[in-house]
Amino acid sequence: MDGSAEHGRHWQDGVRDGAPFGAAAFVLAVSFGVVATDAGMPAVAAIVMSALVYSGSGQFAALGIVDSGGGVGAAVGAAALVGSRFLPMGFALGPSLRGNRLRRALEGQATVDASWAMAARGDGRFDREYLFGHSAAQYVPWVVGTVVGVVVPALDTRALGLDAVFPAFFLAILAGEVRDRLRLGVVLAGAAVALALVPVAPPGLPVLAASAAALVGLRGSR
């Protein structure tokens, strides 16, 4: 089984459908670039991070920990926990990709939440070419937006409202996850863990502990 575009959804279709997501990615990336430089991250580091990590939630989680005084280890751990959702997504996508394990792993790096969901056919398979086009339409604006955020010195986070994009982004993710009482309970438990640790734990540890608790809670609910 492979990901050939049997249903007529080619990479051009993915680029077209991914354009609105790309516009949103650009705005969010500008916010990331501005906030990253305000937090003291070198411009080159912020751009390289966007080019290699390509994960809004992971990058903002890591940035939030560093900005609060946390260490690199805690920041990397938080980003890894936030990005752990890509593991089951990758297992589902794998059979629709081509080549040996290494090639499929490389192709799987194009996966982001929106492209993965939009490329799904509904029968357990994915349109491979469509996935690539959809992700590319978001990746380019993400990197370019980061460049704009770190290079243009006149950008003011508060004047443009970019400082609100960061928390609003995570609130949107949270709202999408809380679909039932069980998940709401997991979210509240994670928040309680974080709030309990903030006064006594080093920066970054409360986020790691809360994320780990949420993962355990969600896994135990299945």
C-alpha atoms as a PDB file:
ATOM      1  CA  MET A   1       0.000   0.000   0.000  1.00  0.00           C
ATOM      2  CA  ASP A   2       1.391   3.422  -0.821  1.00  0.00           C
ATOM      3  CA  GLY A   3       0.332   7.007  -0.784  1.00  0.00           C
ATOM      4  CA  SER A   4      -0.181   7.517  -4.503  1.00  0.00           C
ATOM      5  CA  ALA A   5      -2.891  10.041  -5.266  1.00  0.00           C
ATOM      6  CA  GLU A   6      -5.519   7.545  -6.349  1.00  0.00           C
ATOM      7  CA  HIS A   7      -8.293   9.912  -5.350  1.00  0.00           C
ATOM      8  CA  GLY A   8      -6.928  12.726  -7.525  1.00  0.00           C
ATOM      9  CA  ARG A   9      -5.585  14.753  -4.601  1.00  0.00           C
ATOM     10  CA  HIS A  10      -2.123  15.811  -5.725  1.00  0.00           C
ATOM     11  CA  TRP A  11       0.415  18.094  -4.054  1.00  0.00           C
ATOM     12  CA  GLN A  12      -1.046  21.089  -5.896  1.00  0.00           C
ATOM     13  CA  ASP A  13      -4.366  20.432  -4.158  1.00  0.00           C
ATOM     14  CA  GLY A  14      -2.544  20.322  -0.847  1.00  0.00           C
ATOM     15  CA  VAL A  15      -0.818  23.653  -1.518  1.00  0.00           C
ATOM     16  CA  ARG A  16      -4.154  25.254  -2.409  1.00  0.00           C
ATOM     17  CA  ASP A  17      -5.966  23.906   0.635  1.00  0.00           C
ATOM     18  CA  GLY A  18      -3.020  24.642   2.896  1.00  0.00           C
ATOM     19  CA  ALA A  19      -2.746  28.320   1.923  1.00  0.00           C
ATOM     20  CA  PRO A  20      -5.174  29.578   4.629  1.00  0.00           C
ATOM     21  CA  PHE A  21      -3.280  27.555   7.231  1.00  0.00           C
ATOM     22  CA  GLY A  22      -0.068  29.055   5.878  1.00  0.00           C
ATOM     23  CA  ALA A  23      -1.405  32.562   6.430  1.00  0.00           C
ATOM     24  CA  ALA A  24      -2.142  31.722  10.055  1.00  0.00           C
ATOM     25  CA  ALA A  25       1.275  30.089  10.403  1.00  0.00           C
ATOM     26  CA  PHE A  26       2.935  33.282   9.149  1.00  0.00           C
ATOM     27  CA  VAL A  27       1.259  35.432  11.809  1.00  0.00           C
ATOM     28  CA  LEU A  28       2.092  32.944  14.540  1.00  0.00           C
ATOM     29  CA  ALA A  29       5.697  32.688  13.325  1.00  0.00           C
ATOM     30  CA  VAL A  30       6.121  36.474  13.364  1.00  0.00           C
ATOM     31  CA  SER A  31       4.922  36.360  16.954  1.00  0.00           C
ATOM     32  CA  PHE A  32       7.416  33.615  17.755  1.00  0.00           C
ATOM     33  CA  GLY A  33      10.285  35.557  16.178  1.00  0.00           C
ATOM     34  CA  VAL A  34       9.466  38.742  18.075  1.00  0.00           C
ATOM     35  CA  VAL A  35       8.910  37.014  21.419  1.00  0.00           C
ATOM     36  CA  ALA A  36      12.056  34.878  20.966  1.00  0.00           C
ATOM     37  CA  THR A  37      14.294  37.892  20.399  1.00  0.00           C
ATOM     38  CA  ASP A  38      12.623  39.754  23.271  1.00  0.00           C
ATOM     39  CA  ALA A  39      13.486  36.756  25.461  1.00  0.00           C
ATOM     40  CA  GLY A  40      17.133  37.025  24.459  1.00  0.00           C
ATOM     41  CA  MET A  41      17.318  34.231  21.892  1.00  0.00           C
ATOM     42  CA  PRO A  42      19.764  34.996  19.054  1.00  0.00           C
ATOM     43  CA  ALA A  43      18.053  35.707  15.735  1.00  0.00           C
ATOM     44  CA  VAL A  44      19.894  32.898  13.956  1.00  0.00           C
ATOM     45  CA  ALA A  45      18.921  30.421  16.687  1.00  0.00           C
ATOM     46  CA  ALA A  46      15.239  31.350  16.379  1.00  0.00           C
ATOM     47  CA  ILE A  47      15.292  30.947  12.592  1.00  0.00           C
ATOM     48  CA  VAL A  48      17.146  27.624  12.743  1.00  0.00           C
ATOM     49  CA  MET A  49      14.721  26.395  15.386  1.00  0.00           C
ATOM     50  CA  SER A  50      11.747  27.169  13.148  1.00  0.00           C
ATOM     51  CA  ALA A  51      13.426  25.552  10.148  1.00  0.00           C
ATOM     52  CA  LEU A  52      14.328  22.338  11.976  1.00  0.00           C
ATOM     53  CA  VAL A  53      11.694  21.914  14.689  1.00  0.00           C
ATOM     54  CA  TYR A  54       8.727  23.281  12.689  1.00  0.00           C
ATOM     55  CA  SER A  55       6.357  22.975  15.629  1.00  0.00           C
ATOM     56  CA  GLY A  56       4.521  25.983  16.980  1.00  0.00           C
ATOM     57  CA  SER A  57       3.418  24.316  20.199  1.00  0.00           C
ATOM     58  CA  GLY A  58       6.835  22.782  20.869  1.00  0.00           C
ATOM     59  CA  GLN A  59       8.748  25.969  20.102  1.00  0.00           C
ATOM     60  CA  PHE A  60       6.508  28.174  22.214  1.00  0.00           C
ATOM     61  CA  ALA A  61       6.652  25.675  25.093  1.00  0.00           C
ATOM     62  CA  ALA A  62      10.453  25.655  24.991  1.00  0.00           C
ATOM     63  CA  LEU A  63      10.580  29.437  24.669  1.00  0.00           C
ATOM     64  CA  GLY A  64       8.254  29.933  27.612  1.00  0.00           C
ATOM     65  CA  ILE A  65      10.492  27.832  29.850  1.00  0.00           C
ATOM     66  CA  VAL A  66      13.683  29.585  28.752  1.00  0.00           C
ATOM     67  CA  ASP A  67      12.065  32.992  29.180  1.00  0.00           C
ATOM     68  CA  SER A  68      11.065  32.112  32.739  1.00  0.00           C
ATOM     69  CA  GLY A  69      14.622  31.148  33.605  1.00  0.00           C
ATOM     70  CA  GLY A  70      14.483  27.417  32.950  1.00  0.00           C
ATOM     71  CA  GLY A  71      17.393  25.434  31.583  1.00  0.00           C
ATOM     72  CA  VAL A  72      17.909  24.041  28.109  1.00  0.00           C
ATOM     73  CA  GLY A  73      17.188  20.519  29.329  1.00  0.00           C
ATOM     74  CA  ALA A  74      13.780  21.495  30.679  1.00  0.00           C
ATOM     75  CA  ALA A  75      12.980  23.390  27.472  1.00  0.00           C
ATOM     76  CA  VAL A  76      13.909  20.418  25.285  1.00  0.00           C
ATOM     77  CA  GLY A  77      11.932  18.076  27.526  1.00  0.00           C
ATOM     78  CA  ALA A  78       8.832  20.242  27.334  1.00  0.00           C
ATOM     79  CA  ALA A  79       9.077  20.478  23.550  1.00  0.00           C
ATOM     80  CA  ALA A  80       9.482  16.699  23.329  1.00  0.00           C
ATOM     81  CA  LEU A  81       6.452  16.059  25.525  1.00  0.00           C
ATOM     82  CA  VAL A  82       4.316  18.503  23.565  1.00  0.00           C
ATOM     83  CA  GLY A  83       5.447  16.875  20.308  1.00  0.00           C
ATOM     84  CA  SER A  84       4.862  13.322  21.530  1.00  0.00           C
ATOM     85  CA  ARG A  85       1.475  13.340  19.800  1.00  0.00           C
ATOM     86  CA  PHE A  86       3.315  12.898  16.496  1.00  0.00           C
ATOM     87  CA  LEU A  87       4.334   9.351  17.447  1.00  0.00           C
ATOM     88  CA  PRO A  88       0.878   7.757  17.070  1.00  0.00           C
ATOM     89  CA  MET A  89       0.215  10.038  14.104  1.00  0.00           C
ATOM     90  CA  GLY A  90       3.390   8.746  12.478  1.00  0.00           C
ATOM     91  CA  PHE A  91       2.442   5.109  13.047  1.00  0.00           C
ATOM     92  CA  ALA A  92      -0.908   5.734  11.361  1.00  0.00           C
ATOM     93  CA  LEU A  93       0.691   7.577   8.455  1.00  0.00           C
ATOM     94  CA  GLY A  94       3.607   5.192   7.891  1.00  0.00           C
ATOM     95  CA  PRO A  95       1.902   2.627   5.622  1.00  0.00           C
ATOM     96  CA  SER A  96       0.833   5.395   3.236  1.00  0.00           C
ATOM     97  CA  LEU A  97       4.402   6.593   2.700  1.00  0.00           C
ATOM     98  CA  ARG A  98       6.923   5.091   0.289  1.00  0.00           C
ATOM     99  CA  GLY A  99      10.268   3.347   0.409  1.00  0.00           C
ATOM    100  CA  ASN A 100      12.233   1.786   3.246  1.00  0.00           C
ATOM    101  CA  ARG A 101      12.010   2.791   6.896  1.00  0.00           C
ATOM    102  CA  LEU A 102      14.533   5.592   6.557  1.00  0.00           C
ATOM    103  CA  ARG A 103      12.731   7.152   3.614  1.00  0.00           C
ATOM    104  CA  ARG A 104       9.354   6.865   5.319  1.00  0.00           C
ATOM    105  CA  ALA A 105      10.821   8.464   8.429  1.00  0.00           C
ATOM    106  CA  LEU A 106      12.147  11.356   6.377  1.00  0.00           C
ATOM    107  CA  GLU A 107       8.852  11.797   4.538  1.00  0.00           C
ATOM    108  CA  GLY A 108       7.033  11.714   7.847  1.00  0.00           C
ATOM    109  CA  GLN A 109       8.881  14.860   8.949  1.00  0.00           C
ATOM    110  CA  ALA A 110       6.499  16.819   6.744  1.00  0.00           C
ATOM    111  CA  THR A 111       3.640  16.010   9.088  1.00  0.00           C
ATOM    112  CA  VAL A 112       1.888  18.749  11.034  1.00  0.00           C
ATOM    113  CA  ASP A 113      -1.517  18.555  12.680  1.00  0.00           C
ATOM    114  CA  ALA A 114      -3.533  20.204   9.910  1.00  0.00           C
ATOM    115  CA  SER A 115      -1.836  18.417   7.009  1.00  0.00           C
ATOM    116  CA  TRP A 116      -2.164  15.035   8.733  1.00  0.00           C
ATOM    117  CA  ALA A 117      -5.886  15.550   9.348  1.00  0.00           C
ATOM    118  CA  MET A 118      -6.596  16.948   5.880  1.00  0.00           C
ATOM    119  CA  ALA A 119      -4.654  14.197   4.098  1.00  0.00           C
ATOM    120  CA  ALA A 120      -6.642  11.411   5.785  1.00  0.00           C
ATOM    121  CA  ARG A 121      -8.918   9.527   3.404  1.00  0.00           C
ATOM    122  CA  GLY A 122     -11.209   8.195   6.082  1.00  0.00           C
ATOM    123  CA  ASP A 123     -10.302   4.549   5.555  1.00  0.00           C
ATOM    124  CA  GLY A 124      -7.019   4.556   7.463  1.00  0.00           C
ATOM    125  CA  ARG A 125      -4.955   5.701   4.476  1.00  0.00           C
ATOM    126  CA  PHE A 126      -3.494   9.099   3.626  1.00  0.00           C
ATOM    127  CA  ASP A 127      -2.885  11.002   0.391  1.00  0.00           C
ATOM    128  CA  ARG A 128       0.901  11.268   0.444  1.00  0.00           C
ATOM    129  CA  GLU A 129       1.366  13.948  -2.214  1.00  0.00           C
ATOM    130  CA  TYR A 130      -1.466  16.023  -0.795  1.00  0.00           C
ATOM    131  CA  LEU A 131       0.176  15.852   2.637  1.00  0.00           C
ATOM    132  CA  PHE A 132       3.455  17.195   1.256  1.00  0.00           C
ATOM    133  CA  GLY A 133       1.762  20.083  -0.533  1.00  0.00           C
ATOM    134  CA  HIS A 134      -0.357  21.000   2.474  1.00  0.00           C
ATOM    135  CA  SER A 135       2.651  20.987   4.799  1.00  0.00           C
ATOM    136  CA  ALA A 136       4.808  22.966   2.360  1.00  0.00           C
ATOM    137  CA  ALA A 137       2.146  25.690   2.232  1.00  0.00           C
ATOM    138  CA  GLN A 138       2.611  26.062   5.986  1.00  0.00           C
ATOM    139  CA  TYR A 139       6.357  25.437   6.312  1.00  0.00           C
ATOM    140  CA  VAL A 140       7.490  28.266   4.049  1.00  0.00           C
ATOM    141  CA  PRO A 141       5.349  30.944   5.793  1.00  0.00           C
ATOM    142  CA  TRP A 142       6.458  29.561   9.152  1.00  0.00           C
ATOM    143  CA  VAL A 143      10.148  30.067   8.392  1.00  0.00           C
ATOM    144  CA  VAL A 144       9.620  33.374   6.560  1.00  0.00           C
ATOM    145  CA  GLY A 145       7.429  34.666   9.381  1.00  0.00           C
ATOM    146  CA  THR A 146      10.123  33.843  11.916  1.00  0.00           C
ATOM    147  CA  VAL A 147      12.677  35.720   9.817  1.00  0.00           C
ATOM    148  CA  VAL A 148      10.369  38.750   9.702  1.00  0.00           C
ATOM    149  CA  GLY A 149       9.829  38.568  13.457  1.00  0.00           C
ATOM    150  CA  VAL A 150      13.529  38.557  14.313  1.00  0.00           C
ATOM    151  CA  VAL A 151      14.803  40.878  11.583  1.00  0.00           C
ATOM    152  CA  VAL A 152      12.320  43.767  11.554  1.00  0.00           C
ATOM    153  CA  PRO A 153      13.305  45.878  14.594  1.00  0.00           C
ATOM    154  CA  ALA A 154      10.283  48.154  14.427  1.00  0.00           C
ATOM    155  CA  LEU A 155       7.846  45.410  15.403  1.00  0.00           C
ATOM    156  CA  ASP A 156       6.320  46.036  18.805  1.00  0.00           C
ATOM    157  CA  THR A 157       4.731  42.968  20.387  1.00  0.00           C
ATOM    158  CA  ARG A 158       2.223  44.944  22.429  1.00  0.00           C
ATOM    159  CA  ALA A 159       1.330  47.518  19.772  1.00  0.00           C
ATOM    160  CA  LEU A 160       0.588  44.788  17.228  1.00  0.00           C
ATOM    161  CA  GLY A 161      -1.025  42.470  19.737  1.00  0.00           C
ATOM    162  CA  LEU A 162       1.601  39.787  19.057  1.00  0.00           C
ATOM    163  CA  ASP A 163       2.151  39.266  22.762  1.00  0.00           C
ATOM    164  CA  ALA A 164      -1.434  37.939  22.922  1.00  0.00           C
ATOM    165  CA  VAL A 165      -0.883  35.404  20.125  1.00  0.00           C
ATOM    166  CA  PHE A 166       1.311  33.236  22.355  1.00  0.00           C
ATOM    167  CA  PRO A 167      -1.285  32.556  25.120  1.00  0.00           C
ATOM    168  CA  ALA A 168      -4.169  32.562  22.627  1.00  0.00           C
ATOM    169  CA  PHE A 169      -2.414  29.843  20.638  1.00  0.00           C
ATOM    170  CA  PHE A 170      -2.256  27.527  23.635  1.00  0.00           C
ATOM    171  CA  LEU A 171      -5.803  28.352  24.690  1.00  0.00           C
ATOM    172  CA  ALA A 172      -6.969  27.327  21.211  1.00  0.00           C
ATOM    173  CA  ILE A 173      -5.101  24.017  21.520  1.00  0.00           C
ATOM    174  CA  LEU A 174      -6.568  23.478  24.974  1.00  0.00           C
ATOM    175  CA  ALA A 175     -10.094  24.222  23.796  1.00  0.00           C
ATOM    176  CA  GLY A 176      -9.715  21.695  20.991  1.00  0.00           C
ATOM    177  CA  GLU A 177      -8.584  18.996  23.396  1.00  0.00           C
ATOM    178  CA  VAL A 178     -11.308  19.424  26.024  1.00  0.00           C
ATOM    179  CA  ARG A 179     -14.111  17.546  24.315  1.00  0.00           C
ATOM    180  CA  ASP A 180     -15.494  15.611  27.249  1.00  0.00           C
ATOM    181  CA  ARG A 181     -15.488  15.510  31.024  1.00  0.00           C
ATOM    182  CA  LEU A 182     -12.676  12.981  31.156  1.00  0.00           C
ATOM    183  CA  ARG A 183     -10.279  15.153  29.185  1.00  0.00           C
ATOM    184  CA  LEU A 184     -11.374  18.188  31.170  1.00  0.00           C
ATOM    185  CA  GLY A 185     -10.444  16.275  34.313  1.00  0.00           C
ATOM    186  CA  VAL A 186      -7.007  15.489  32.890  1.00  0.00           C
ATOM    187  CA  VAL A 187      -6.485  19.147  31.972  1.00  0.00           C
ATOM    188  CA  LEU A 188      -7.497  20.316  35.448  1.00  0.00           C
ATOM    189  CA  ALA A 189      -5.229  17.732  37.064  1.00  0.00           C
ATOM    190  CA  GLY A 190      -2.295  18.887  34.961  1.00  0.00           C
ATOM    191  CA  ALA A 191      -3.010  22.508  35.868  1.00  0.00           C
ATOM    192  CA  ALA A 192      -3.163  21.599  39.561  1.00  0.00           C
ATOM    193  CA  VAL A 193       0.218  19.877  39.349  1.00  0.00           C
ATOM    194  CA  ALA A 194       1.780  22.899  37.656  1.00  0.00           C
ATOM    195  CA  LEU A 195       0.308  25.392  40.140  1.00  0.00           C
ATOM    196  CA  ALA A 196       1.445  23.293  43.102  1.00  0.00           C
ATOM    197  CA  LEU A 197       5.018  23.124  41.818  1.00  0.00           C
ATOM    198  CA  VAL A 198       5.461  26.738  40.642  1.00  0.00           C
ATOM    199  CA  PRO A 199       6.317  28.121  44.134  1.00  0.00           C
ATOM    200  CA  VAL A 200       8.851  25.400  44.973  1.00  0.00           C
ATOM    201  CA  ALA A 201      10.242  23.934  41.740  1.00  0.00           C
ATOM    202  CA  PRO A 202      12.826  25.366  39.310  1.00  0.00           C
ATOM    203  CA  PRO A 203      11.437  27.080  36.183  1.00  0.00           C
ATOM    204  CA  GLY A 204      10.397  24.548  33.575  1.00  0.00           C
ATOM    205  CA  LEU A 205       9.827  21.633  35.946  1.00  0.00           C
ATOM    206  CA  PRO A 206       6.137  22.478  36.612  1.00  0.00           C
ATOM    207  CA  VAL A 207       5.408  22.373  32.868  1.00  0.00           C
ATOM    208  CA  LEU A 208       7.248  19.071  32.446  1.00  0.00           C
ATOM    209  CA  ALA A 209       5.451  17.517  35.419  1.00  0.00           C
ATOM    210  CA  ALA A 210       2.044  18.765  34.275  1.00  0.00           C
ATOM    211  CA  SER A 211       2.619  17.490  30.733  1.00  0.00           C
ATOM    212  CA  ALA A 212       3.727  14.090  32.006  1.00  0.00           C
ATOM    213  CA  ALA A 213       0.683  13.873  34.280  1.00  0.00           C
ATOM    214  CA  ALA A 214      -1.610  14.730  31.377  1.00  0.00           C
ATOM    215  CA  LEU A 215      -0.028  12.089  29.154  1.00  0.00           C
ATOM    216  CA  VAL A 216      -0.412   9.439  31.860  1.00  0.00           C
ATOM    217  CA  GLY A 217      -4.017  10.468  32.456  1.00  0.00           C
ATOM    218  CA  LEU A 218      -4.953  10.375  28.782  1.00  0.00           C
ATOM    219  CA  ARG A 219      -3.224   7.019  28.273  1.00  0.00           C
ATOM    220  CA  GLY A 220      -4.986   5.540  31.276  1.00  0.00           C
ATOM    221  CA  SER A 221      -8.354   6.679  29.936  1.00  0.00           C
ATOM    222  CA  ARG A 222      -8.063   4.583  26.770  1.00  0.00           C
END
